Amino acid sequence: MRWLERSEGPLGYVVLALASLVEYVVPPFPGDTVALFGIFLAATADWSAAWVYLALNAGAIGGGMIAYGFGRAVSSPERRPRWLCGPRTTRAIEQITARYEKHGAVYLAINRFVPALRAFFFVGAGIARLPWPAVVLWGGLSAAVWNGVLLGVGWTVGESWDEMLAWARAYSAVATALVVLVVLALVARALVRRARTSSRSDGAPPA
């Protein structure tokens, strides 16, 4: 962070873009923290807000397309690694494809607002073989809106790095909790459907 503070210029903006990109390749990487620090510098250290914004968006789109490329690479059964060729994995890939054919644009549009899982939205788009222009469009729109929100937060509390970091952590905690609740709800629904299907099968008259 201290290096960034002293490195306003083309190299500093490239580092911000790479930080945003790496988050999609290595999900645990704290991309939002680096992004917030770049916005903090724009608010307090005369960095260009426009260049910070463009760098963050370019990095997000680039990283998302790398994840998309991985999804495309494993989408074909002939090119799929052996560990992705089991019957359960095949069914999961078929389900992902079906969901993305119906709601792919929505998934990509919300990806930037879901911490830690962003890359998987693009992997899913690649598995479903969505057209890359649509992926760039919706993924780029998501990044543009999210980074606009971060800029708004930065200009509101930009004088206090601690406040910005506290906001980011609070948002991440709430968003993660919501994701967990959604996953639990989906699992519960799947179990209920399986139980109903099983009960119908048990109650069917013998042939």
N, C-alpha and C. Protein backbone atom coordinates (compact mmCIF):
# COMPACT_ATOMS: atom_id res chain seq x y z
N MET A 1 0.82 -1.20 0.00
CA MET A 1 0.00 0.00 0.00
C MET A 1 0.87 1.27 0.00
N ARG A 2 1.92 1.26 0.79
CA ARG A 2 2.79 2.44 0.85
C ARG A 2 3.46 2.69 -0.50
N TRP A 3 3.80 1.58 -1.19
CA TRP A 3 4.39 1.74 -2.52
C TRP A 3 3.42 2.44 -3.46
N LEU A 4 2.15 2.02 -3.41
CA LEU A 4 1.14 2.66 -4.26
C LEU A 4 1.02 4.14 -3.95
N GLU A 5 1.07 4.47 -2.69
CA GLU A 5 0.91 5.87 -2.27
C GLU A 5 1.98 6.76 -2.89
N ARG A 6 3.16 6.19 -3.14
CA ARG A 6 4.26 6.97 -3.70
C ARG A 6 4.39 6.81 -5.21
N SER A 7 3.43 6.11 -5.85
CA SER A 7 3.63 5.72 -7.25
C SER A 7 2.53 6.21 -8.17
N GLU A 8 2.04 7.41 -7.95
CA GLU A 8 1.03 7.97 -8.86
C GLU A 8 1.64 8.10 -10.25
N GLY A 9 0.94 7.60 -11.26
CA GLY A 9 1.45 7.62 -12.62
C GLY A 9 1.02 6.35 -13.33
N PRO A 10 1.47 6.15 -14.58
CA PRO A 10 1.02 4.98 -15.36
C PRO A 10 1.23 3.66 -14.64
N LEU A 11 2.40 3.47 -14.00
CA LEU A 11 2.66 2.21 -13.33
C LEU A 11 1.69 1.98 -12.17
N GLY A 12 1.35 3.02 -11.44
CA GLY A 12 0.42 2.87 -10.34
C GLY A 12 -0.96 2.42 -10.82
N TYR A 13 -1.42 2.99 -11.95
CA TYR A 13 -2.72 2.60 -12.48
C TYR A 13 -2.69 1.18 -13.03
N VAL A 14 -1.55 0.78 -13.61
CA VAL A 14 -1.40 -0.60 -14.07
C VAL A 14 -1.49 -1.57 -12.90
N VAL A 15 -0.87 -1.21 -11.78
CA VAL A 15 -0.92 -2.07 -10.59
C VAL A 15 -2.37 -2.21 -10.10
N LEU A 16 -3.13 -1.12 -10.11
CA LEU A 16 -4.54 -1.21 -9.71
C LEU A 16 -5.31 -2.14 -10.64
N ALA A 17 -5.05 -2.03 -11.95
CA ALA A 17 -5.74 -2.89 -12.91
C ALA A 17 -5.37 -4.35 -12.67
N LEU A 18 -4.10 -4.62 -12.43
CA LEU A 18 -3.66 -5.99 -12.19
C LEU A 18 -4.26 -6.55 -10.90
N ALA A 19 -4.38 -5.71 -9.88
CA ALA A 19 -4.99 -6.16 -8.63
C ALA A 19 -6.44 -6.55 -8.85
N SER A 20 -7.13 -5.77 -9.65
CA SER A 20 -8.52 -6.07 -9.96
C SER A 20 -8.62 -7.35 -10.80
N LEU A 21 -7.65 -7.55 -11.68
CA LEU A 21 -7.63 -8.75 -12.54
C LEU A 21 -7.33 -10.01 -11.72
N VAL A 22 -6.32 -9.94 -10.86
CA VAL A 22 -5.88 -11.12 -10.12
C VAL A 22 -6.99 -11.68 -9.24
N GLU A 23 -7.88 -10.82 -8.79
CA GLU A 23 -8.98 -11.28 -7.93
C GLU A 23 -9.81 -12.35 -8.62
N TYR A 24 -9.90 -12.31 -9.95
CA TYR A 24 -10.68 -13.29 -10.70
C TYR A 24 -9.89 -14.57 -10.95
N VAL A 25 -8.58 -14.49 -10.85
CA VAL A 25 -7.73 -15.66 -11.06
C VAL A 25 -7.43 -16.35 -9.74
N VAL A 26 -7.23 -15.57 -8.69
CA VAL A 26 -6.99 -16.08 -7.34
C VAL A 26 -8.03 -15.43 -6.43
N PRO A 27 -9.25 -16.00 -6.33
CA PRO A 27 -10.36 -15.35 -5.61
C PRO A 27 -10.04 -14.85 -4.21
N PRO A 28 -9.16 -15.53 -3.41
CA PRO A 28 -8.90 -14.99 -2.07
C PRO A 28 -8.15 -13.66 -2.08
N PHE A 29 -7.58 -13.27 -3.23
CA PHE A 29 -6.83 -12.02 -3.29
C PHE A 29 -7.75 -10.85 -2.96
N PRO A 30 -7.33 -9.95 -2.06
CA PRO A 30 -8.21 -8.84 -1.61
C PRO A 30 -8.28 -7.70 -2.63
N GLY A 31 -8.90 -7.97 -3.76
CA GLY A 31 -8.95 -6.96 -4.82
C GLY A 31 -9.69 -5.71 -4.41
N ASP A 32 -10.78 -5.86 -3.65
CA ASP A 32 -11.56 -4.69 -3.25
C ASP A 32 -10.77 -3.79 -2.32
N THR A 33 -9.91 -4.37 -1.49
CA THR A 33 -9.10 -3.54 -0.59
C THR A 33 -8.14 -2.67 -1.38
N VAL A 34 -7.51 -3.26 -2.39
CA VAL A 34 -6.60 -2.48 -3.24
C VAL A 34 -7.38 -1.44 -4.01
N ALA A 35 -8.56 -1.81 -4.53
CA ALA A 35 -9.39 -0.86 -5.26
C ALA A 35 -9.78 0.32 -4.37
N LEU A 36 -10.20 0.02 -3.15
CA LEU A 36 -10.57 1.08 -2.22
C LEU A 36 -9.39 2.00 -1.92
N PHE A 37 -8.20 1.39 -1.82
CA PHE A 37 -7.03 2.22 -1.53
C PHE A 37 -6.72 3.14 -2.72
N GLY A 38 -6.92 2.63 -3.94
CA GLY A 38 -6.74 3.48 -5.11
C GLY A 38 -7.71 4.65 -5.10
N ILE A 39 -8.95 4.38 -4.72
CA ILE A 39 -9.95 5.45 -4.64
C ILE A 39 -9.62 6.40 -3.49
N PHE A 40 -9.12 5.86 -2.40
CA PHE A 40 -8.67 6.69 -1.28
C PHE A 40 -7.57 7.65 -1.74
N LEU A 41 -6.65 7.14 -2.57
CA LEU A 41 -5.59 8.00 -3.09
C LEU A 41 -6.14 9.06 -4.03
N ALA A 42 -7.17 8.71 -4.80
CA ALA A 42 -7.79 9.70 -5.68
C ALA A 42 -8.44 10.81 -4.87
N ALA A 43 -8.98 10.45 -3.69
CA ALA A 43 -9.65 11.43 -2.86
C ALA A 43 -8.70 12.26 -2.01
N THR A 44 -7.51 11.72 -1.72
CA THR A 44 -6.63 12.40 -0.77
C THR A 44 -5.24 12.72 -1.30
N ALA A 45 -4.82 12.07 -2.40
CA ALA A 45 -3.43 12.24 -2.85
C ALA A 45 -3.32 12.67 -4.30
N ASP A 46 -4.39 13.24 -4.83
CA ASP A 46 -4.37 13.81 -6.19
C ASP A 46 -4.18 12.78 -7.29
N TRP A 47 -4.51 11.53 -7.03
CA TRP A 47 -4.56 10.57 -8.13
C TRP A 47 -5.77 10.91 -9.00
N SER A 48 -5.71 10.57 -10.27
CA SER A 48 -6.81 10.84 -11.17
C SER A 48 -7.96 9.86 -10.93
N ALA A 49 -9.10 10.39 -10.54
CA ALA A 49 -10.26 9.51 -10.28
C ALA A 49 -10.67 8.79 -11.57
N ALA A 50 -10.57 9.48 -12.71
CA ALA A 50 -10.95 8.87 -13.99
C ALA A 50 -10.05 7.68 -14.31
N TRP A 51 -8.74 7.85 -14.13
CA TRP A 51 -7.81 6.77 -14.44
C TRP A 51 -7.93 5.62 -13.45
N VAL A 52 -8.19 5.92 -12.19
CA VAL A 52 -8.43 4.87 -11.20
C VAL A 52 -9.66 4.06 -11.61
N TYR A 53 -10.71 4.75 -11.97
CA TYR A 53 -11.95 4.10 -12.37
C TYR A 53 -11.74 3.22 -13.61
N LEU A 54 -11.06 3.76 -14.61
CA LEU A 54 -10.81 2.99 -15.83
C LEU A 54 -9.91 1.78 -15.56
N ALA A 55 -8.91 1.96 -14.71
CA ALA A 55 -8.00 0.86 -14.40
C ALA A 55 -8.74 -0.28 -13.71
N LEU A 56 -9.60 0.07 -12.75
CA LEU A 56 -10.34 -0.96 -12.02
C LEU A 56 -11.31 -1.70 -12.95
N ASN A 57 -11.96 -0.97 -13.84
CA ASN A 57 -12.88 -1.62 -14.77
C ASN A 57 -12.14 -2.52 -15.76
N ALA A 58 -11.02 -2.02 -16.29
CA ALA A 58 -10.25 -2.82 -17.24
C ALA A 58 -9.74 -4.10 -16.59
N GLY A 59 -9.25 -3.99 -15.35
CA GLY A 59 -8.77 -5.17 -14.65
C GLY A 59 -9.87 -6.18 -14.40
N ALA A 60 -11.05 -5.69 -14.00
CA ALA A 60 -12.17 -6.59 -13.73
C ALA A 60 -12.60 -7.33 -14.99
N ILE A 61 -12.68 -6.62 -16.11
CA ILE A 61 -13.09 -7.26 -17.36
C ILE A 61 -12.04 -8.27 -17.81
N GLY A 62 -10.76 -7.87 -17.71
CA GLY A 62 -9.70 -8.78 -18.10
C GLY A 62 -9.68 -10.04 -17.25
N GLY A 63 -9.80 -9.89 -15.94
CA GLY A 63 -9.83 -11.06 -15.06
C GLY A 63 -11.04 -11.93 -15.30
N GLY A 64 -12.19 -11.28 -15.52
CA GLY A 64 -13.40 -12.05 -15.80
C GLY A 64 -13.28 -12.87 -17.06
N MET A 65 -12.63 -12.31 -18.08
CA MET A 65 -12.49 -13.03 -19.34
C MET A 65 -11.50 -14.19 -19.22
N ILE A 66 -10.53 -14.06 -18.33
CA ILE A 66 -9.64 -15.20 -18.07
C ILE A 66 -10.43 -16.34 -17.46
N ALA A 67 -11.27 -16.02 -16.47
CA ALA A 67 -12.12 -17.05 -15.86
C ALA A 67 -13.09 -17.63 -16.89
N TYR A 68 -13.62 -16.77 -17.74
CA TYR A 68 -14.52 -17.22 -18.82
C TYR A 68 -13.78 -18.18 -19.76
N GLY A 69 -12.54 -17.85 -20.09
CA GLY A 69 -11.76 -18.72 -20.95
C GLY A 69 -11.54 -20.09 -20.35
N PHE A 70 -11.33 -20.13 -19.04
CA PHE A 70 -11.18 -21.43 -18.38
C PHE A 70 -12.48 -22.23 -18.51
N GLY A 71 -13.62 -21.56 -18.29
CA GLY A 71 -14.90 -22.24 -18.43
C GLY A 71 -15.11 -22.78 -19.83
N ARG A 72 -14.74 -21.99 -20.84
CA ARG A 72 -14.86 -22.46 -22.23
C ARG A 72 -13.97 -23.67 -22.47
N ALA A 73 -12.78 -23.65 -21.85
CA ALA A 73 -11.82 -24.72 -22.08
C ALA A 73 -12.33 -26.07 -21.56
N VAL A 74 -13.13 -26.04 -20.48
CA VAL A 74 -13.62 -27.30 -19.91
C VAL A 74 -15.07 -27.57 -20.31
N SER A 75 -15.64 -26.75 -21.18
CA SER A 75 -17.05 -26.92 -21.55
C SER A 75 -17.26 -28.09 -22.49
N SER A 76 -16.24 -28.41 -23.27
CA SER A 76 -16.37 -29.51 -24.23
C SER A 76 -15.97 -30.83 -23.56
N PRO A 77 -16.80 -31.87 -23.63
CA PRO A 77 -16.45 -33.16 -23.01
C PRO A 77 -15.12 -33.72 -23.50
N GLU A 78 -14.79 -33.46 -24.77
CA GLU A 78 -13.55 -34.00 -25.33
C GLU A 78 -12.32 -33.34 -24.73
N ARG A 79 -12.45 -32.10 -24.29
CA ARG A 79 -11.30 -31.36 -23.75
C ARG A 79 -11.35 -31.25 -22.24
N ARG A 80 -12.32 -31.87 -21.63
CA ARG A 80 -12.51 -31.75 -20.19
C ARG A 80 -11.55 -32.68 -19.43
N PRO A 81 -10.94 -32.18 -18.34
CA PRO A 81 -10.07 -33.05 -17.54
C PRO A 81 -10.86 -34.23 -16.97
N ARG A 82 -10.16 -35.31 -16.66
CA ARG A 82 -10.83 -36.51 -16.16
C ARG A 82 -11.62 -36.25 -14.89
N TRP A 83 -11.07 -35.37 -14.02
CA TRP A 83 -11.75 -35.14 -12.74
C TRP A 83 -13.04 -34.36 -12.91
N LEU A 84 -13.34 -33.92 -14.16
CA LEU A 84 -14.61 -33.24 -14.43
C LEU A 84 -15.52 -34.08 -15.32
N CYS A 85 -15.21 -35.35 -15.44
CA CYS A 85 -15.98 -36.20 -16.36
C CYS A 85 -16.90 -37.19 -15.65
N GLY A 86 -16.99 -37.12 -14.33
CA GLY A 86 -17.88 -38.03 -13.61
C GLY A 86 -19.33 -37.71 -13.87
N PRO A 87 -20.23 -38.64 -13.58
CA PRO A 87 -21.67 -38.43 -13.84
C PRO A 87 -22.25 -37.25 -13.08
N ARG A 88 -21.85 -37.06 -11.81
CA ARG A 88 -22.37 -35.94 -11.04
C ARG A 88 -21.89 -34.61 -11.61
N THR A 89 -20.60 -34.57 -11.96
CA THR A 89 -20.05 -33.34 -12.54
C THR A 89 -20.71 -33.03 -13.87
N THR A 90 -20.94 -34.06 -14.66
CA THR A 90 -21.59 -33.86 -15.96
C THR A 90 -22.99 -33.30 -15.78
N ARG A 91 -23.75 -33.85 -14.80
CA ARG A 91 -25.09 -33.32 -14.54
C ARG A 91 -25.03 -31.88 -14.07
N ALA A 92 -24.03 -31.57 -13.20
CA ALA A 92 -23.89 -30.20 -12.70
C ALA A 92 -23.60 -29.24 -13.85
N ILE A 93 -22.75 -29.65 -14.78
CA ILE A 93 -22.43 -28.80 -15.93
C ILE A 93 -23.65 -28.60 -16.80
N GLU A 94 -24.44 -29.63 -16.97
CA GLU A 94 -25.68 -29.51 -17.75
C GLU A 94 -26.65 -28.53 -17.08
N GLN A 95 -26.73 -28.59 -15.75
CA GLN A 95 -27.60 -27.67 -15.02
C GLN A 95 -27.10 -26.23 -15.13
N ILE A 96 -25.79 -26.04 -15.02
CA ILE A 96 -25.21 -24.70 -15.16
C ILE A 96 -25.54 -24.14 -16.54
N THR A 97 -25.36 -24.98 -17.56
CA THR A 97 -25.64 -24.53 -18.92
C THR A 97 -27.09 -24.11 -19.08
N ALA A 98 -28.00 -24.92 -18.54
CA ALA A 98 -29.43 -24.60 -18.65
C ALA A 98 -29.76 -23.29 -17.94
N ARG A 99 -29.17 -23.09 -16.75
CA ARG A 99 -29.44 -21.87 -16.00
C ARG A 99 -28.89 -20.63 -16.71
N TYR A 100 -27.70 -20.75 -17.26
CA TYR A 100 -27.11 -19.61 -17.94
C TYR A 100 -27.82 -19.29 -19.25
N GLU A 101 -28.37 -20.28 -19.91
CA GLU A 101 -29.15 -20.01 -21.11
C GLU A 101 -30.37 -19.16 -20.80
N LYS A 102 -30.90 -19.31 -19.58
CA LYS A 102 -32.08 -18.53 -19.17
C LYS A 102 -31.71 -17.22 -18.48
N HIS A 103 -30.71 -17.26 -17.59
CA HIS A 103 -30.44 -16.11 -16.73
C HIS A 103 -28.99 -15.65 -16.76
N GLY A 104 -28.25 -16.00 -17.79
CA GLY A 104 -26.83 -15.67 -17.84
C GLY A 104 -26.54 -14.19 -17.68
N ALA A 105 -27.33 -13.34 -18.33
CA ALA A 105 -27.10 -11.90 -18.24
C ALA A 105 -27.25 -11.40 -16.80
N VAL A 106 -28.24 -11.94 -16.09
CA VAL A 106 -28.47 -11.53 -14.70
C VAL A 106 -27.30 -11.95 -13.82
N TYR A 107 -26.83 -13.19 -13.99
CA TYR A 107 -25.71 -13.66 -13.18
C TYR A 107 -24.48 -12.79 -13.38
N LEU A 108 -24.18 -12.46 -14.62
CA LEU A 108 -23.00 -11.64 -14.90
C LEU A 108 -23.19 -10.21 -14.40
N ALA A 109 -24.42 -9.71 -14.46
CA ALA A 109 -24.67 -8.34 -14.02
C ALA A 109 -24.51 -8.17 -12.51
N ILE A 110 -24.71 -9.24 -11.75
CA ILE A 110 -24.59 -9.12 -10.29
C ILE A 110 -23.25 -9.62 -9.78
N ASN A 111 -22.41 -10.15 -10.66
CA ASN A 111 -21.20 -10.84 -10.19
C ASN A 111 -20.32 -9.96 -9.32
N ARG A 112 -20.18 -8.69 -9.69
CA ARG A 112 -19.23 -7.82 -8.99
C ARG A 112 -19.69 -7.49 -7.58
N PHE A 113 -20.96 -7.72 -7.30
CA PHE A 113 -21.50 -7.41 -5.99
C PHE A 113 -21.44 -8.60 -5.03
N VAL A 114 -20.90 -9.72 -5.51
CA VAL A 114 -20.82 -10.93 -4.70
C VAL A 114 -19.36 -11.21 -4.38
N PRO A 115 -18.90 -10.92 -3.18
CA PRO A 115 -17.49 -11.10 -2.85
C PRO A 115 -17.08 -12.57 -2.87
N ALA A 116 -15.83 -12.79 -3.25
CA ALA A 116 -15.18 -14.12 -3.23
C ALA A 116 -15.65 -15.06 -4.33
N LEU A 117 -16.87 -14.88 -4.85
CA LEU A 117 -17.41 -15.82 -5.84
C LEU A 117 -17.45 -15.25 -7.25
N ARG A 118 -16.91 -14.06 -7.44
CA ARG A 118 -17.06 -13.38 -8.73
C ARG A 118 -16.53 -14.19 -9.90
N ALA A 119 -15.38 -14.80 -9.72
CA ALA A 119 -14.77 -15.55 -10.83
C ALA A 119 -15.68 -16.68 -11.30
N PHE A 120 -16.41 -17.31 -10.38
CA PHE A 120 -17.20 -18.47 -10.74
C PHE A 120 -18.38 -18.11 -11.65
N PHE A 121 -18.84 -16.87 -11.58
CA PHE A 121 -19.89 -16.44 -12.50
C PHE A 121 -19.38 -16.48 -13.94
N PHE A 122 -18.13 -16.10 -14.14
CA PHE A 122 -17.55 -16.11 -15.48
C PHE A 122 -17.18 -17.52 -15.92
N VAL A 123 -16.73 -18.34 -14.98
CA VAL A 123 -16.46 -19.74 -15.31
C VAL A 123 -17.76 -20.40 -15.79
N GLY A 124 -18.86 -20.12 -15.08
CA GLY A 124 -20.15 -20.65 -15.49
C GLY A 124 -20.55 -20.18 -16.88
N ALA A 125 -20.30 -18.90 -17.18
CA ALA A 125 -20.62 -18.37 -18.51
C ALA A 125 -19.80 -19.08 -19.58
N GLY A 126 -18.54 -19.40 -19.26
CA GLY A 126 -17.71 -20.12 -20.21
C GLY A 126 -18.19 -21.55 -20.41
N ILE A 127 -18.56 -22.21 -19.32
CA ILE A 127 -19.08 -23.57 -19.42
C ILE A 127 -20.34 -23.60 -20.28
N ALA A 128 -21.19 -22.60 -20.11
CA ALA A 128 -22.43 -22.51 -20.89
C ALA A 128 -22.18 -22.01 -22.30
N ARG A 129 -20.93 -21.62 -22.58
CA ARG A 129 -20.53 -21.13 -23.91
C ARG A 129 -21.36 -19.92 -24.35
N LEU A 130 -21.58 -18.99 -23.42
CA LEU A 130 -22.24 -17.75 -23.79
C LEU A 130 -21.33 -16.96 -24.74
N PRO A 131 -21.89 -16.20 -25.65
CA PRO A 131 -21.07 -15.40 -26.57
C PRO A 131 -20.20 -14.40 -25.80
N TRP A 132 -18.93 -14.30 -26.18
CA TRP A 132 -18.03 -13.45 -25.39
C TRP A 132 -18.43 -11.97 -25.41
N PRO A 133 -19.03 -11.42 -26.52
CA PRO A 133 -19.43 -10.01 -26.44
C PRO A 133 -20.47 -9.76 -25.34
N ALA A 134 -21.39 -10.71 -25.16
CA ALA A 134 -22.40 -10.56 -24.10
C ALA A 134 -21.75 -10.63 -22.72
N VAL A 135 -20.73 -11.49 -22.60
CA VAL A 135 -20.02 -11.61 -21.32
C VAL A 135 -19.30 -10.31 -21.00
N VAL A 136 -18.63 -9.74 -22.00
CA VAL A 136 -17.94 -8.46 -21.80
C VAL A 136 -18.93 -7.37 -21.45
N LEU A 137 -20.07 -7.34 -22.15
CA LEU A 137 -21.07 -6.30 -21.91
C LEU A 137 -21.61 -6.35 -20.48
N TRP A 138 -22.13 -7.51 -20.07
CA TRP A 138 -22.77 -7.59 -18.76
C TRP A 138 -21.75 -7.60 -17.62
N GLY A 139 -20.62 -8.26 -17.86
CA GLY A 139 -19.57 -8.23 -16.84
C GLY A 139 -18.99 -6.84 -16.69
N GLY A 140 -18.81 -6.14 -17.81
CA GLY A 140 -18.30 -4.77 -17.76
C GLY A 140 -19.28 -3.82 -17.11
N LEU A 141 -20.57 -4.00 -17.37
CA LEU A 141 -21.58 -3.17 -16.73
C LEU A 141 -21.56 -3.36 -15.22
N SER A 142 -21.44 -4.62 -14.79
CA SER A 142 -21.39 -4.91 -13.35
C SER A 142 -20.18 -4.22 -12.71
N ALA A 143 -19.02 -4.32 -13.37
CA ALA A 143 -17.81 -3.69 -12.84
C ALA A 143 -17.96 -2.18 -12.79
N ALA A 144 -18.54 -1.60 -13.84
CA ALA A 144 -18.69 -0.15 -13.90
C ALA A 144 -19.58 0.37 -12.77
N VAL A 145 -20.69 -0.33 -12.51
CA VAL A 145 -21.60 0.10 -11.44
C VAL A 145 -20.93 -0.07 -10.08
N TRP A 146 -20.30 -1.24 -9.86
CA TRP A 146 -19.66 -1.51 -8.57
C TRP A 146 -18.55 -0.50 -8.28
N ASN A 147 -17.70 -0.27 -9.26
CA ASN A 147 -16.60 0.68 -9.05
C ASN A 147 -17.13 2.11 -8.90
N GLY A 148 -18.28 2.39 -9.52
CA GLY A 148 -18.91 3.68 -9.29
C GLY A 148 -19.38 3.82 -7.85
N VAL A 149 -19.91 2.71 -7.29
CA VAL A 149 -20.31 2.72 -5.88
C VAL A 149 -19.09 2.96 -4.99
N LEU A 150 -17.98 2.26 -5.30
CA LEU A 150 -16.77 2.45 -4.51
C LEU A 150 -16.27 3.89 -4.58
N LEU A 151 -16.36 4.48 -5.77
CA LEU A 151 -15.96 5.88 -5.90
C LEU A 151 -16.84 6.77 -5.04
N GLY A 152 -18.14 6.49 -5.04
CA GLY A 152 -19.05 7.28 -4.21
C GLY A 152 -18.71 7.17 -2.74
N VAL A 153 -18.40 5.95 -2.30
CA VAL A 153 -18.00 5.76 -0.90
C VAL A 153 -16.70 6.50 -0.63
N GLY A 154 -15.78 6.40 -1.59
CA GLY A 154 -14.49 7.06 -1.41
C GLY A 154 -14.61 8.57 -1.27
N TRP A 155 -15.45 9.18 -2.07
CA TRP A 155 -15.60 10.63 -1.99
C TRP A 155 -16.42 11.06 -0.77
N THR A 156 -17.22 10.12 -0.24
CA THR A 156 -18.01 10.44 0.95
C THR A 156 -17.17 10.38 2.22
N VAL A 157 -16.37 9.32 2.33
CA VAL A 157 -15.55 9.14 3.54
C VAL A 157 -14.07 9.03 3.18
N GLY A 158 -13.70 9.66 2.08
CA GLY A 158 -12.35 9.51 1.55
C GLY A 158 -11.24 9.99 2.45
N GLU A 159 -11.55 10.87 3.37
CA GLU A 159 -10.50 11.36 4.27
C GLU A 159 -10.12 10.34 5.33
N SER A 160 -10.93 9.30 5.47
CA SER A 160 -10.67 8.31 6.52
C SER A 160 -10.55 6.91 5.90
N TRP A 161 -9.33 6.42 5.82
CA TRP A 161 -9.11 5.07 5.29
C TRP A 161 -9.78 4.02 6.19
N ASP A 162 -9.76 4.23 7.49
CA ASP A 162 -10.37 3.27 8.41
C ASP A 162 -11.87 3.14 8.17
N GLU A 163 -12.53 4.28 7.89
CA GLU A 163 -13.97 4.22 7.62
C GLU A 163 -14.26 3.48 6.32
N MET A 164 -13.43 3.71 5.30
CA MET A 164 -13.63 3.01 4.03
C MET A 164 -13.45 1.51 4.21
N LEU A 165 -12.43 1.12 4.95
CA LEU A 165 -12.17 -0.29 5.17
C LEU A 165 -13.28 -0.93 6.00
N ALA A 166 -13.78 -0.20 6.98
CA ALA A 166 -14.88 -0.72 7.81
C ALA A 166 -16.13 -0.92 6.96
N TRP A 167 -16.40 0.03 6.04
CA TRP A 167 -17.54 -0.11 5.14
C TRP A 167 -17.41 -1.35 4.28
N ALA A 168 -16.21 -1.56 3.72
CA ALA A 168 -15.98 -2.71 2.85
C ALA A 168 -16.17 -4.02 3.61
N ARG A 169 -15.66 -4.07 4.83
CA ARG A 169 -15.79 -5.30 5.62
C ARG A 169 -17.24 -5.57 6.01
N ALA A 170 -17.96 -4.51 6.34
CA ALA A 170 -19.38 -4.68 6.69
C ALA A 170 -20.18 -5.17 5.49
N TYR A 171 -19.92 -4.58 4.33
CA TYR A 171 -20.62 -5.02 3.12
C TYR A 171 -20.30 -6.47 2.81
N SER A 172 -19.02 -6.83 2.89
CA SER A 172 -18.61 -8.20 2.61
C SER A 172 -19.28 -9.19 3.53
N ALA A 173 -19.39 -8.84 4.81
CA ALA A 173 -20.02 -9.73 5.78
C ALA A 173 -21.51 -9.92 5.47
N VAL A 174 -22.20 -8.82 5.15
CA VAL A 174 -23.63 -8.91 4.84
C VAL A 174 -23.84 -9.69 3.54
N ALA A 175 -23.06 -9.39 2.52
CA ALA A 175 -23.21 -10.08 1.24
C ALA A 175 -22.91 -11.57 1.37
N THR A 176 -21.89 -11.91 2.14
CA THR A 176 -21.56 -13.32 2.34
C THR A 176 -22.68 -14.04 3.06
N ALA A 177 -23.26 -13.38 4.08
CA ALA A 177 -24.37 -13.99 4.81
C ALA A 177 -25.56 -14.23 3.88
N LEU A 178 -25.85 -13.28 3.00
CA LEU A 178 -26.96 -13.45 2.06
C LEU A 178 -26.70 -14.60 1.10
N VAL A 179 -25.45 -14.71 0.63
CA VAL A 179 -25.11 -15.81 -0.27
C VAL A 179 -25.31 -17.15 0.42
N VAL A 180 -24.87 -17.24 1.68
CA VAL A 180 -25.03 -18.48 2.43
C VAL A 180 -26.51 -18.82 2.59
N LEU A 181 -27.34 -17.81 2.88
CA LEU A 181 -28.77 -18.05 3.03
C LEU A 181 -29.39 -18.53 1.72
N VAL A 182 -28.99 -17.93 0.62
CA VAL A 182 -29.51 -18.34 -0.69
C VAL A 182 -29.11 -19.78 -0.99
N VAL A 183 -27.85 -20.11 -0.73
CA VAL A 183 -27.39 -21.48 -0.96
C VAL A 183 -28.16 -22.48 -0.11
N LEU A 184 -28.35 -22.15 1.16
CA LEU A 184 -29.11 -23.04 2.05
C LEU A 184 -30.55 -23.21 1.57
N ALA A 185 -31.14 -22.10 1.09
CA ALA A 185 -32.51 -22.18 0.58
C ALA A 185 -32.59 -23.08 -0.65
N LEU A 186 -31.60 -22.97 -1.54
CA LEU A 186 -31.59 -23.81 -2.74
C LEU A 186 -31.39 -25.28 -2.39
N VAL A 187 -30.50 -25.53 -1.43
CA VAL A 187 -30.27 -26.91 -1.00
C VAL A 187 -31.54 -27.48 -0.38
N ALA A 188 -32.20 -26.68 0.46
CA ALA A 188 -33.43 -27.15 1.10
C ALA A 188 -34.50 -27.44 0.06
N ARG A 189 -34.62 -26.59 -0.94
CA ARG A 189 -35.62 -26.81 -1.99
C ARG A 189 -35.32 -28.09 -2.76
N ALA A 190 -34.02 -28.31 -3.05
CA ALA A 190 -33.64 -29.52 -3.78
C ALA A 190 -33.95 -30.78 -2.97
N LEU A 191 -33.72 -30.71 -1.65
CA LEU A 191 -34.01 -31.86 -0.79
C LEU A 191 -35.51 -32.14 -0.72
N VAL A 192 -36.29 -31.06 -0.65
CA VAL A 192 -37.75 -31.23 -0.62
C VAL A 192 -38.24 -31.86 -1.91
N ARG A 193 -37.73 -31.38 -3.04
CA ARG A 193 -38.13 -31.95 -4.33
C ARG A 193 -37.75 -33.42 -4.42
N ARG A 194 -36.54 -33.75 -3.93
CA ARG A 194 -36.09 -35.14 -3.99
C ARG A 194 -36.97 -36.01 -3.10
N ALA A 195 -37.34 -35.49 -1.93
CA ALA A 195 -38.20 -36.26 -1.03
C ALA A 195 -39.58 -36.49 -1.66
N ARG A 196 -40.11 -35.46 -2.32
CA ARG A 196 -41.42 -35.61 -2.96
C ARG A 196 -41.35 -36.62 -4.10
N THR A 197 -40.29 -36.54 -4.88
CA THR A 197 -40.14 -37.48 -5.99
C THR A 197 -40.02 -38.91 -5.48
N SER A 198 -39.25 -39.07 -4.37
CA SER A 198 -39.07 -40.40 -3.80
C SER A 198 -40.39 -40.94 -3.25
N SER A 199 -41.18 -40.08 -2.59
CA SER A 199 -42.46 -40.54 -2.03
C SER A 199 -43.44 -40.93 -3.14
N ARG A 200 -43.42 -40.19 -4.24
CA ARG A 200 -44.29 -40.54 -5.36
C ARG A 200 -43.88 -41.87 -5.96
N SER A 201 -42.57 -42.09 -6.06
CA SER A 201 -42.09 -43.35 -6.62
C SER A 201 -42.46 -44.53 -5.73
N ASP A 202 -42.34 -44.33 -4.40
CA ASP A 202 -42.70 -45.39 -3.46
C ASP A 202 -44.19 -45.70 -3.47
N GLY A 203 -44.99 -44.66 -3.75
CA GLY A 203 -46.43 -44.87 -3.71
C GLY A 203 -47.03 -45.29 -5.03
N ALA A 204 -46.21 -45.40 -6.06
CA ALA A 204 -46.73 -45.78 -7.37
C ALA A 204 -47.15 -47.25 -7.35
N PRO A 205 -48.26 -47.59 -8.03
CA PRO A 205 -48.70 -48.98 -8.06
C PRO A 205 -47.74 -49.85 -8.84
N PRO A 206 -47.54 -51.08 -8.44
CA PRO A 206 -46.63 -51.98 -9.19
C PRO A 206 -47.11 -52.21 -10.60
N ALA A 207 -46.17 -52.39 -11.52
CA ALA A 207 -46.52 -52.60 -12.91
C ALA A 207 -47.11 -53.99 -13.09
